[in-house]
Amino acid sequence: MTDFHVFTKDALLNEIGRAWDELTRALDELTPAQMSVPTDANGWRVQDHLSHMGAWHNWARLRMQGRPTWEGLGITAADVSSGDTDTANAAIRARHAAKTPAEARAFLTETHDLLVNQIAGLDEAALPRPFRALAPDEPADRVIPPVSHIVYESTAGHYREHLEWLRSYKFGARD
């Protein structure tokens, strides 16, 4: 049996808020130059990570509205048809590659705010329901986590994952 994050709305919003504050504090320490140079083994820049997280915010938000995965991620149906997350993430990165660090951060903030506002407006009873209940075209044979788990993993869990990466990279002195 898979363990899922199940939260009340207040607990979920608080967890998102704490992780968001931690992420924004870390980002505030970086210069635009530090955000725009390749920093990981795949050549991703900090700004690529920000756009990536923003796309996954949109995925969760739009999936809860019953819209297709590819639309939520802002990529094509072909990019998600294989089910390979790396392929989808590469397409997300390519779509947002021209963004400046400031634009990538603004996109992340905008999508964060939209998702948090959507969660704040959800009925408490929606959070423990399987995500399929809000995103009806999920495959019937898949184990579908509850809405609160999907939202957590697309926000607080995702921020912490990327914060680990960010903290593992040793940036040079501030410009």
N, C-alpha and C. Protein backbone atom coordinates (compact mmCIF):
# COMPACT_ATOMS: atom_id res chain seq x y z
N MET A 1 0.84 -1.18 0.00
CA MET A 1 0.00 0.00 0.00
C MET A 1 0.89 1.24 0.00
N THR A 2 0.54 2.19 -0.81
CA THR A 2 1.28 3.44 -0.91
C THR A 2 0.80 4.40 0.17
N ASP A 3 1.75 5.10 0.78
CA ASP A 3 1.39 6.12 1.76
C ASP A 3 1.17 7.44 1.04
N PHE A 4 0.07 8.09 1.37
CA PHE A 4 -0.26 9.36 0.76
C PHE A 4 -0.37 10.44 1.82
N HIS A 5 -0.08 11.66 1.43
CA HIS A 5 -0.28 12.81 2.31
C HIS A 5 -1.76 13.16 2.30
N VAL A 6 -2.39 13.11 3.47
CA VAL A 6 -3.78 13.51 3.59
C VAL A 6 -3.84 14.64 4.62
N PHE A 7 -4.29 15.78 4.19
CA PHE A 7 -4.32 16.97 5.02
C PHE A 7 -5.72 17.57 5.06
N THR A 8 -6.01 18.29 6.15
CA THR A 8 -7.17 19.19 6.13
C THR A 8 -6.76 20.39 5.28
N LYS A 9 -7.72 21.19 4.90
CA LYS A 9 -7.39 22.36 4.09
C LYS A 9 -6.45 23.30 4.83
N ASP A 10 -6.75 23.59 6.09
CA ASP A 10 -5.87 24.49 6.85
C ASP A 10 -4.47 23.94 6.99
N ALA A 11 -4.34 22.66 7.29
CA ALA A 11 -3.02 22.04 7.43
C ALA A 11 -2.26 22.07 6.10
N LEU A 12 -2.95 21.79 5.01
CA LEU A 12 -2.32 21.81 3.69
C LEU A 12 -1.85 23.21 3.35
N LEU A 13 -2.71 24.20 3.54
CA LEU A 13 -2.34 25.58 3.23
C LEU A 13 -1.18 26.05 4.12
N ASN A 14 -1.17 25.64 5.38
CA ASN A 14 -0.06 25.99 6.26
C ASN A 14 1.24 25.35 5.81
N GLU A 15 1.17 24.08 5.42
CA GLU A 15 2.37 23.36 4.94
C GLU A 15 2.90 24.01 3.66
N ILE A 16 2.00 24.35 2.76
CA ILE A 16 2.40 25.03 1.52
C ILE A 16 3.04 26.37 1.86
N GLY A 17 2.43 27.11 2.77
CA GLY A 17 2.95 28.41 3.14
C GLY A 17 4.35 28.34 3.74
N ARG A 18 4.58 27.37 4.62
CA ARG A 18 5.90 27.21 5.24
C ARG A 18 6.96 26.88 4.18
N ALA A 19 6.65 25.93 3.31
CA ALA A 19 7.62 25.54 2.28
C ALA A 19 7.85 26.67 1.29
N TRP A 20 6.79 27.40 0.95
CA TRP A 20 6.91 28.53 0.02
C TRP A 20 7.81 29.61 0.62
N ASP A 21 7.62 29.91 1.90
CA ASP A 21 8.46 30.91 2.55
C ASP A 21 9.92 30.49 2.54
N GLU A 22 10.17 29.21 2.79
CA GLU A 22 11.54 28.68 2.77
C GLU A 22 12.15 28.81 1.37
N LEU A 23 11.38 28.47 0.37
CA LEU A 23 11.85 28.58 -1.02
C LEU A 23 12.14 30.04 -1.38
N THR A 24 11.21 30.92 -1.09
CA THR A 24 11.41 32.32 -1.49
C THR A 24 12.59 32.95 -0.75
N ARG A 25 12.80 32.58 0.51
CA ARG A 25 13.98 33.10 1.22
C ARG A 25 15.27 32.64 0.52
N ALA A 26 15.31 31.39 0.12
CA ALA A 26 16.50 30.88 -0.58
C ALA A 26 16.69 31.60 -1.92
N LEU A 27 15.61 31.82 -2.64
CA LEU A 27 15.71 32.49 -3.94
C LEU A 27 16.13 33.95 -3.79
N ASP A 28 15.69 34.58 -2.70
CA ASP A 28 16.05 35.97 -2.46
C ASP A 28 17.56 36.14 -2.28
N GLU A 29 18.26 35.08 -1.94
CA GLU A 29 19.70 35.12 -1.74
C GLU A 29 20.49 35.06 -3.05
N LEU A 30 19.80 34.76 -4.14
CA LEU A 30 20.50 34.57 -5.41
C LEU A 30 20.43 35.83 -6.28
N THR A 31 21.49 36.05 -7.02
CA THR A 31 21.51 37.14 -8.00
C THR A 31 20.90 36.62 -9.31
N PRO A 32 20.50 37.53 -10.20
CA PRO A 32 20.05 37.08 -11.52
C PRO A 32 21.11 36.25 -12.25
N ALA A 33 22.37 36.61 -12.08
CA ALA A 33 23.44 35.85 -12.74
C ALA A 33 23.49 34.42 -12.20
N GLN A 34 23.34 34.25 -10.89
CA GLN A 34 23.36 32.92 -10.31
C GLN A 34 22.16 32.10 -10.77
N MET A 35 21.07 32.77 -11.03
CA MET A 35 19.85 32.06 -11.46
C MET A 35 19.89 31.65 -12.92
N SER A 36 20.79 32.26 -13.70
CA SER A 36 20.73 32.05 -15.14
C SER A 36 21.86 31.22 -15.72
N VAL A 37 22.77 30.72 -14.89
CA VAL A 37 23.84 29.86 -15.41
C VAL A 37 23.50 28.40 -15.16
N PRO A 38 23.89 27.51 -16.08
CA PRO A 38 23.65 26.09 -15.85
C PRO A 38 24.31 25.64 -14.56
N THR A 39 23.56 24.90 -13.76
CA THR A 39 24.07 24.55 -12.44
C THR A 39 23.95 23.08 -12.09
N ASP A 40 23.29 22.28 -12.90
CA ASP A 40 23.21 20.87 -12.55
C ASP A 40 23.70 20.00 -13.70
N ALA A 41 23.75 18.72 -13.49
CA ALA A 41 24.31 17.79 -14.47
C ALA A 41 23.58 17.82 -15.80
N ASN A 42 22.32 18.23 -15.79
CA ASN A 42 21.54 18.30 -17.03
C ASN A 42 21.56 19.69 -17.65
N GLY A 43 22.31 20.60 -17.06
CA GLY A 43 22.41 21.95 -17.59
C GLY A 43 21.25 22.87 -17.20
N TRP A 44 20.44 22.43 -16.26
CA TRP A 44 19.32 23.27 -15.83
C TRP A 44 19.84 24.45 -15.02
N ARG A 45 19.21 25.58 -15.23
CA ARG A 45 19.48 26.78 -14.47
C ARG A 45 18.42 26.90 -13.37
N VAL A 46 18.66 27.72 -12.38
CA VAL A 46 17.65 27.95 -11.34
C VAL A 46 16.35 28.39 -12.00
N GLN A 47 16.43 29.28 -12.96
CA GLN A 47 15.22 29.77 -13.62
C GLN A 47 14.46 28.63 -14.33
N ASP A 48 15.16 27.62 -14.81
CA ASP A 48 14.48 26.45 -15.40
C ASP A 48 13.68 25.71 -14.33
N HIS A 49 14.27 25.58 -13.14
CA HIS A 49 13.58 24.91 -12.04
C HIS A 49 12.33 25.69 -11.63
N LEU A 50 12.41 27.02 -11.65
CA LEU A 50 11.25 27.83 -11.27
C LEU A 50 10.11 27.66 -12.26
N SER A 51 10.43 27.69 -13.54
CA SER A 51 9.39 27.50 -14.57
C SER A 51 8.81 26.09 -14.49
N HIS A 52 9.66 25.12 -14.23
CA HIS A 52 9.23 23.73 -14.07
C HIS A 52 8.21 23.61 -12.93
N MET A 53 8.54 24.19 -11.77
CA MET A 53 7.60 24.12 -10.64
C MET A 53 6.30 24.85 -10.97
N GLY A 54 6.40 25.97 -11.68
CA GLY A 54 5.19 26.70 -12.08
C GLY A 54 4.31 25.88 -13.00
N ALA A 55 4.92 25.16 -13.93
CA ALA A 55 4.14 24.32 -14.83
C ALA A 55 3.40 23.23 -14.06
N TRP A 56 4.06 22.64 -13.06
CA TRP A 56 3.41 21.60 -12.27
C TRP A 56 2.32 22.17 -11.37
N HIS A 57 2.45 23.43 -10.95
CA HIS A 57 1.33 24.10 -10.27
C HIS A 57 0.12 24.12 -11.20
N ASN A 58 0.36 24.56 -12.44
CA ASN A 58 -0.74 24.65 -13.40
C ASN A 58 -1.33 23.28 -13.68
N TRP A 59 -0.48 22.27 -13.73
CA TRP A 59 -0.99 20.91 -13.95
C TRP A 59 -2.00 20.55 -12.87
N ALA A 60 -1.63 20.71 -11.60
CA ALA A 60 -2.53 20.35 -10.51
C ALA A 60 -3.81 21.18 -10.57
N ARG A 61 -3.66 22.47 -10.79
CA ARG A 61 -4.82 23.37 -10.81
C ARG A 61 -5.78 23.02 -11.95
N LEU A 62 -5.25 22.85 -13.14
CA LEU A 62 -6.11 22.58 -14.29
C LEU A 62 -6.64 21.15 -14.29
N ARG A 63 -5.87 20.20 -13.76
CA ARG A 63 -6.38 18.82 -13.66
C ARG A 63 -7.57 18.78 -12.73
N MET A 64 -7.54 19.56 -11.65
CA MET A 64 -8.68 19.60 -10.74
C MET A 64 -9.91 20.21 -11.41
N GLN A 65 -9.70 20.90 -12.50
CA GLN A 65 -10.81 21.45 -13.28
C GLN A 65 -11.22 20.49 -14.39
N GLY A 66 -10.58 19.31 -14.43
CA GLY A 66 -10.91 18.31 -15.43
C GLY A 66 -10.24 18.52 -16.77
N ARG A 67 -9.26 19.40 -16.84
CA ARG A 67 -8.57 19.67 -18.09
C ARG A 67 -7.43 18.67 -18.27
N PRO A 68 -6.98 18.46 -19.51
CA PRO A 68 -5.96 17.43 -19.78
C PRO A 68 -4.59 17.77 -19.20
N THR A 69 -3.83 16.73 -18.92
CA THR A 69 -2.48 16.87 -18.37
C THR A 69 -1.63 17.80 -19.23
N TRP A 70 -1.60 17.56 -20.53
CA TRP A 70 -0.73 18.36 -21.40
C TRP A 70 -1.10 19.84 -21.34
N GLU A 71 -2.37 20.14 -21.23
CA GLU A 71 -2.78 21.54 -21.16
C GLU A 71 -2.29 22.16 -19.86
N GLY A 72 -2.44 21.43 -18.76
CA GLY A 72 -1.97 21.95 -17.48
C GLY A 72 -0.48 22.21 -17.47
N LEU A 73 0.29 21.35 -18.10
CA LEU A 73 1.74 21.51 -18.14
C LEU A 73 2.18 22.51 -19.20
N GLY A 74 1.26 22.89 -20.09
CA GLY A 74 1.60 23.86 -21.12
C GLY A 74 2.44 23.27 -22.24
N ILE A 75 2.27 21.96 -22.49
CA ILE A 75 3.03 21.28 -23.54
C ILE A 75 2.04 20.53 -24.43
N THR A 76 2.54 19.73 -25.35
CA THR A 76 1.64 19.04 -26.28
C THR A 76 1.19 17.69 -25.72
N ALA A 77 0.12 17.18 -26.28
CA ALA A 77 -0.36 15.85 -25.91
C ALA A 77 0.71 14.80 -26.20
N ALA A 78 1.45 14.97 -27.29
CA ALA A 78 2.52 14.03 -27.63
C ALA A 78 3.61 14.00 -26.57
N ASP A 79 3.87 15.15 -25.93
CA ASP A 79 4.90 15.22 -24.90
C ASP A 79 4.55 14.40 -23.67
N VAL A 80 3.27 14.17 -23.44
CA VAL A 80 2.87 13.41 -22.25
C VAL A 80 2.35 12.01 -22.58
N SER A 81 2.20 11.71 -23.86
CA SER A 81 1.56 10.44 -24.26
C SER A 81 2.35 9.21 -23.82
N SER A 82 3.66 9.32 -23.70
CA SER A 82 4.47 8.16 -23.30
C SER A 82 4.36 7.88 -21.80
N GLY A 83 3.91 8.87 -21.05
CA GLY A 83 3.86 8.71 -19.60
C GLY A 83 5.21 8.92 -18.94
N ASP A 84 6.22 9.30 -19.72
CA ASP A 84 7.56 9.51 -19.20
C ASP A 84 7.69 10.93 -18.67
N THR A 85 7.87 11.09 -17.37
CA THR A 85 7.96 12.40 -16.76
C THR A 85 9.17 13.18 -17.26
N ASP A 86 10.29 12.51 -17.53
CA ASP A 86 11.48 13.21 -18.04
C ASP A 86 11.20 13.87 -19.38
N THR A 87 10.44 13.19 -20.24
CA THR A 87 10.08 13.77 -21.54
C THR A 87 9.21 15.01 -21.34
N ALA A 88 8.23 14.91 -20.45
CA ALA A 88 7.37 16.06 -20.16
C ALA A 88 8.19 17.20 -19.58
N ASN A 89 9.08 16.89 -18.64
CA ASN A 89 9.90 17.94 -18.03
C ASN A 89 10.82 18.62 -19.04
N ALA A 90 11.36 17.85 -19.99
CA ALA A 90 12.20 18.44 -21.04
C ALA A 90 11.38 19.39 -21.92
N ALA A 91 10.14 19.01 -22.20
CA ALA A 91 9.27 19.87 -23.00
C ALA A 91 8.91 21.14 -22.23
N ILE A 92 8.67 21.01 -20.94
CA ILE A 92 8.40 22.19 -20.11
C ILE A 92 9.61 23.12 -20.13
N ARG A 93 10.78 22.55 -19.95
CA ARG A 93 12.00 23.36 -19.95
C ARG A 93 12.18 24.09 -21.28
N ALA A 94 11.97 23.39 -22.37
CA ALA A 94 12.11 24.01 -23.69
C ALA A 94 11.09 25.14 -23.89
N ARG A 95 9.87 24.92 -23.42
CA ARG A 95 8.83 25.94 -23.59
C ARG A 95 9.17 27.24 -22.86
N HIS A 96 9.84 27.13 -21.73
CA HIS A 96 10.12 28.30 -20.89
C HIS A 96 11.57 28.78 -20.98
N ALA A 97 12.35 28.22 -21.88
CA ALA A 97 13.80 28.48 -21.93
C ALA A 97 14.14 29.96 -22.12
N ALA A 98 13.31 30.70 -22.81
CA ALA A 98 13.62 32.10 -23.09
C ALA A 98 13.29 33.05 -21.94
N LYS A 99 12.65 32.54 -20.90
CA LYS A 99 12.31 33.40 -19.77
C LYS A 99 13.58 33.89 -19.07
N THR A 100 13.53 35.14 -18.64
CA THR A 100 14.60 35.67 -17.79
C THR A 100 14.39 35.13 -16.38
N PRO A 101 15.40 35.27 -15.50
CA PRO A 101 15.18 34.86 -14.11
C PRO A 101 13.96 35.55 -13.48
N ALA A 102 13.79 36.84 -13.74
CA ALA A 102 12.66 37.57 -13.17
C ALA A 102 11.33 37.04 -13.72
N GLU A 103 11.29 36.73 -15.01
CA GLU A 103 10.06 36.20 -15.61
C GLU A 103 9.74 34.80 -15.07
N ALA A 104 10.77 33.98 -14.89
CA ALA A 104 10.55 32.63 -14.35
C ALA A 104 10.03 32.71 -12.91
N ARG A 105 10.60 33.62 -12.14
CA ARG A 105 10.14 33.77 -10.76
C ARG A 105 8.71 34.32 -10.72
N ALA A 106 8.40 35.27 -11.59
CA ALA A 106 7.04 35.82 -11.65
C ALA A 106 6.04 34.72 -12.05
N PHE A 107 6.42 33.86 -12.99
CA PHE A 107 5.56 32.74 -13.40
C PHE A 107 5.32 31.80 -12.23
N LEU A 108 6.39 31.46 -11.51
CA LEU A 108 6.25 30.59 -10.35
C LEU A 108 5.30 31.21 -9.32
N THR A 109 5.50 32.47 -9.03
CA THR A 109 4.67 33.16 -8.03
C THR A 109 3.21 33.21 -8.47
N GLU A 110 2.99 33.55 -9.74
CA GLU A 110 1.62 33.62 -10.25
C GLU A 110 0.92 32.27 -10.17
N THR A 111 1.60 31.22 -10.59
CA THR A 111 0.97 29.90 -10.59
C THR A 111 0.77 29.39 -9.16
N HIS A 112 1.70 29.71 -8.28
CA HIS A 112 1.55 29.36 -6.86
C HIS A 112 0.29 30.03 -6.31
N ASP A 113 0.16 31.31 -6.54
CA ASP A 113 -0.99 32.05 -6.02
C ASP A 113 -2.30 31.52 -6.58
N LEU A 114 -2.33 31.20 -7.86
CA LEU A 114 -3.56 30.65 -8.47
C LEU A 114 -3.94 29.32 -7.83
N LEU A 115 -2.94 28.45 -7.63
CA LEU A 115 -3.22 27.13 -7.04
C LEU A 115 -3.65 27.27 -5.58
N VAL A 116 -2.97 28.10 -4.82
CA VAL A 116 -3.33 28.29 -3.41
C VAL A 116 -4.75 28.85 -3.30
N ASN A 117 -5.09 29.81 -4.15
CA ASN A 117 -6.45 30.36 -4.13
C ASN A 117 -7.48 29.31 -4.50
N GLN A 118 -7.15 28.43 -5.44
CA GLN A 118 -8.07 27.36 -5.80
C GLN A 118 -8.27 26.40 -4.62
N ILE A 119 -7.19 26.06 -3.95
CA ILE A 119 -7.29 25.16 -2.78
C ILE A 119 -8.10 25.82 -1.68
N ALA A 120 -7.86 27.10 -1.44
CA ALA A 120 -8.59 27.82 -0.39
C ALA A 120 -10.10 27.80 -0.66
N GLY A 121 -10.47 27.75 -1.94
CA GLY A 121 -11.88 27.74 -2.31
C GLY A 121 -12.51 26.36 -2.38
N LEU A 122 -11.70 25.30 -2.22
CA LEU A 122 -12.22 23.93 -2.29
C LEU A 122 -13.02 23.59 -1.03
N ASP A 123 -14.01 22.77 -1.22
CA ASP A 123 -14.73 22.21 -0.08
C ASP A 123 -13.78 21.25 0.63
N GLU A 124 -13.77 21.30 1.94
CA GLU A 124 -12.90 20.43 2.74
C GLU A 124 -13.05 18.96 2.36
N ALA A 125 -14.26 18.56 1.99
CA ALA A 125 -14.53 17.15 1.65
C ALA A 125 -13.82 16.71 0.37
N ALA A 126 -13.38 17.65 -0.46
CA ALA A 126 -12.70 17.29 -1.70
C ALA A 126 -11.28 16.78 -1.46
N LEU A 127 -10.64 17.23 -0.41
CA LEU A 127 -9.21 16.93 -0.21
C LEU A 127 -8.89 15.45 0.02
N PRO A 128 -9.68 14.69 0.77
CA PRO A 128 -9.33 13.27 0.93
C PRO A 128 -9.82 12.39 -0.22
N ARG A 129 -10.62 12.93 -1.12
CA ARG A 129 -11.14 12.13 -2.23
C ARG A 129 -10.03 11.81 -3.22
N PRO A 130 -10.14 10.69 -3.91
CA PRO A 130 -9.14 10.38 -4.95
C PRO A 130 -9.12 11.49 -6.00
N PHE A 131 -7.93 11.79 -6.47
CA PHE A 131 -7.75 12.85 -7.47
C PHE A 131 -8.66 12.61 -8.67
N ARG A 132 -8.96 11.34 -8.95
CA ARG A 132 -9.82 10.99 -10.09
C ARG A 132 -11.17 11.70 -9.98
N ALA A 133 -11.65 11.90 -8.75
CA ALA A 133 -12.95 12.54 -8.56
C ALA A 133 -12.96 13.96 -9.11
N LEU A 134 -11.80 14.62 -9.11
CA LEU A 134 -11.72 15.96 -9.67
C LEU A 134 -11.10 15.98 -11.06
N ALA A 135 -10.41 14.93 -11.42
CA ALA A 135 -9.77 14.81 -12.72
C ALA A 135 -10.24 13.49 -13.34
N PRO A 136 -11.45 13.48 -13.89
CA PRO A 136 -12.12 12.22 -14.24
C PRO A 136 -11.48 11.37 -15.33
N ASP A 137 -10.53 11.87 -16.09
CA ASP A 137 -9.98 11.02 -17.15
C ASP A 137 -8.72 10.26 -16.74
N GLU A 138 -8.43 10.19 -15.45
CA GLU A 138 -7.32 9.36 -14.99
C GLU A 138 -7.66 7.89 -15.29
N PRO A 139 -6.66 7.08 -15.64
CA PRO A 139 -6.94 5.67 -15.94
C PRO A 139 -7.58 4.96 -14.75
N ALA A 140 -8.59 4.18 -15.02
CA ALA A 140 -9.35 3.51 -13.96
C ALA A 140 -8.53 2.47 -13.21
N ASP A 141 -7.48 1.93 -13.84
CA ASP A 141 -6.70 0.88 -13.19
C ASP A 141 -5.54 1.42 -12.36
N ARG A 142 -5.35 2.70 -12.33
CA ARG A 142 -4.26 3.31 -11.56
C ARG A 142 -4.69 3.59 -10.14
N VAL A 143 -3.77 3.43 -9.20
CA VAL A 143 -4.02 3.87 -7.82
C VAL A 143 -3.91 5.39 -7.84
N ILE A 144 -4.98 6.03 -7.48
CA ILE A 144 -5.02 7.49 -7.55
C ILE A 144 -4.97 8.06 -6.14
N PRO A 145 -3.96 8.87 -5.86
CA PRO A 145 -3.87 9.46 -4.53
C PRO A 145 -4.96 10.50 -4.30
N PRO A 146 -5.15 10.88 -3.04
CA PRO A 146 -6.15 11.90 -2.75
C PRO A 146 -5.70 13.28 -3.25
N VAL A 147 -6.66 14.15 -3.40
CA VAL A 147 -6.40 15.51 -3.88
C VAL A 147 -5.33 16.18 -3.03
N SER A 148 -5.41 16.05 -1.70
CA SER A 148 -4.43 16.74 -0.84
C SER A 148 -3.00 16.26 -1.12
N HIS A 149 -2.83 15.00 -1.47
CA HIS A 149 -1.50 14.47 -1.78
C HIS A 149 -0.97 15.10 -3.09
N ILE A 150 -1.82 15.13 -4.10
CA ILE A 150 -1.41 15.71 -5.38
C ILE A 150 -1.02 17.17 -5.20
N VAL A 151 -1.83 17.91 -4.46
CA VAL A 151 -1.53 19.32 -4.23
C VAL A 151 -0.24 19.47 -3.42
N TYR A 152 -0.09 18.68 -2.37
CA TYR A 152 1.13 18.74 -1.56
C TYR A 152 2.36 18.47 -2.43
N GLU A 153 2.32 17.41 -3.21
CA GLU A 153 3.48 17.05 -4.03
C GLU A 153 3.75 18.06 -5.14
N SER A 154 2.74 18.82 -5.55
CA SER A 154 2.91 19.84 -6.58
C SER A 154 3.32 21.19 -5.99
N THR A 155 3.33 21.28 -4.66
CA THR A 155 3.68 22.54 -4.00
C THR A 155 4.77 22.27 -2.96
N ALA A 156 4.39 22.10 -1.71
CA ALA A 156 5.36 21.97 -0.62
C ALA A 156 6.38 20.87 -0.87
N GLY A 157 5.93 19.70 -1.28
CA GLY A 157 6.86 18.61 -1.57
C GLY A 157 7.81 18.94 -2.69
N HIS A 158 7.29 19.60 -3.72
CA HIS A 158 8.10 19.98 -4.88
C HIS A 158 9.08 21.08 -4.50
N TYR A 159 8.64 22.06 -3.69
CA TYR A 159 9.55 23.12 -3.27
C TYR A 159 10.72 22.53 -2.49
N ARG A 160 10.41 21.61 -1.60
CA ARG A 160 11.48 21.02 -0.78
C ARG A 160 12.45 20.19 -1.63
N GLU A 161 11.91 19.49 -2.60
CA GLU A 161 12.76 18.72 -3.51
C GLU A 161 13.73 19.65 -4.24
N HIS A 162 13.22 20.74 -4.76
CA HIS A 162 14.08 21.67 -5.50
C HIS A 162 14.98 22.47 -4.57
N LEU A 163 14.56 22.72 -3.36
CA LEU A 163 15.42 23.38 -2.38
C LEU A 163 16.64 22.52 -2.06
N GLU A 164 16.43 21.21 -1.96
CA GLU A 164 17.57 20.30 -1.74
C GLU A 164 18.58 20.45 -2.85
N TRP A 165 18.09 20.47 -4.08
CA TRP A 165 18.98 20.64 -5.22
C TRP A 165 19.67 22.00 -5.13
N LEU A 166 18.91 23.05 -4.87
CA LEU A 166 19.45 24.40 -4.81
C LEU A 166 20.54 24.52 -3.75
N ARG A 167 20.30 23.93 -2.61
CA ARG A 167 21.27 23.99 -1.52
C ARG A 167 22.50 23.14 -1.80
N SER A 168 22.37 22.12 -2.64
CA SER A 168 23.52 21.27 -2.95
C SER A 168 24.48 21.95 -3.91
N TYR A 169 24.01 22.96 -4.61
CA TYR A 169 24.85 23.66 -5.56
C TYR A 169 25.58 24.79 -4.84
N LYS A 170 26.87 24.88 -5.04
CA LYS A 170 27.67 25.91 -4.39
C LYS A 170 27.83 27.09 -5.35
N PHE A 171 27.06 28.13 -5.10
CA PHE A 171 27.16 29.33 -5.93
C PHE A 171 28.40 30.12 -5.53
N GLY A 172 28.95 30.84 -6.51
CA GLY A 172 30.08 31.70 -6.22
C GLY A 172 29.62 32.91 -5.41
N ALA A 173 30.51 33.80 -5.18
CA ALA A 173 30.19 35.01 -4.42
C ALA A 173 29.12 35.81 -5.14
N ARG A 174 28.32 36.52 -4.35
CA ARG A 174 27.25 37.35 -4.94
C ARG A 174 27.86 38.41 -5.84
N ASP A 175 27.23 38.62 -6.98
CA ASP A 175 27.72 39.64 -7.94
C ASP A 175 27.32 41.02 -7.48
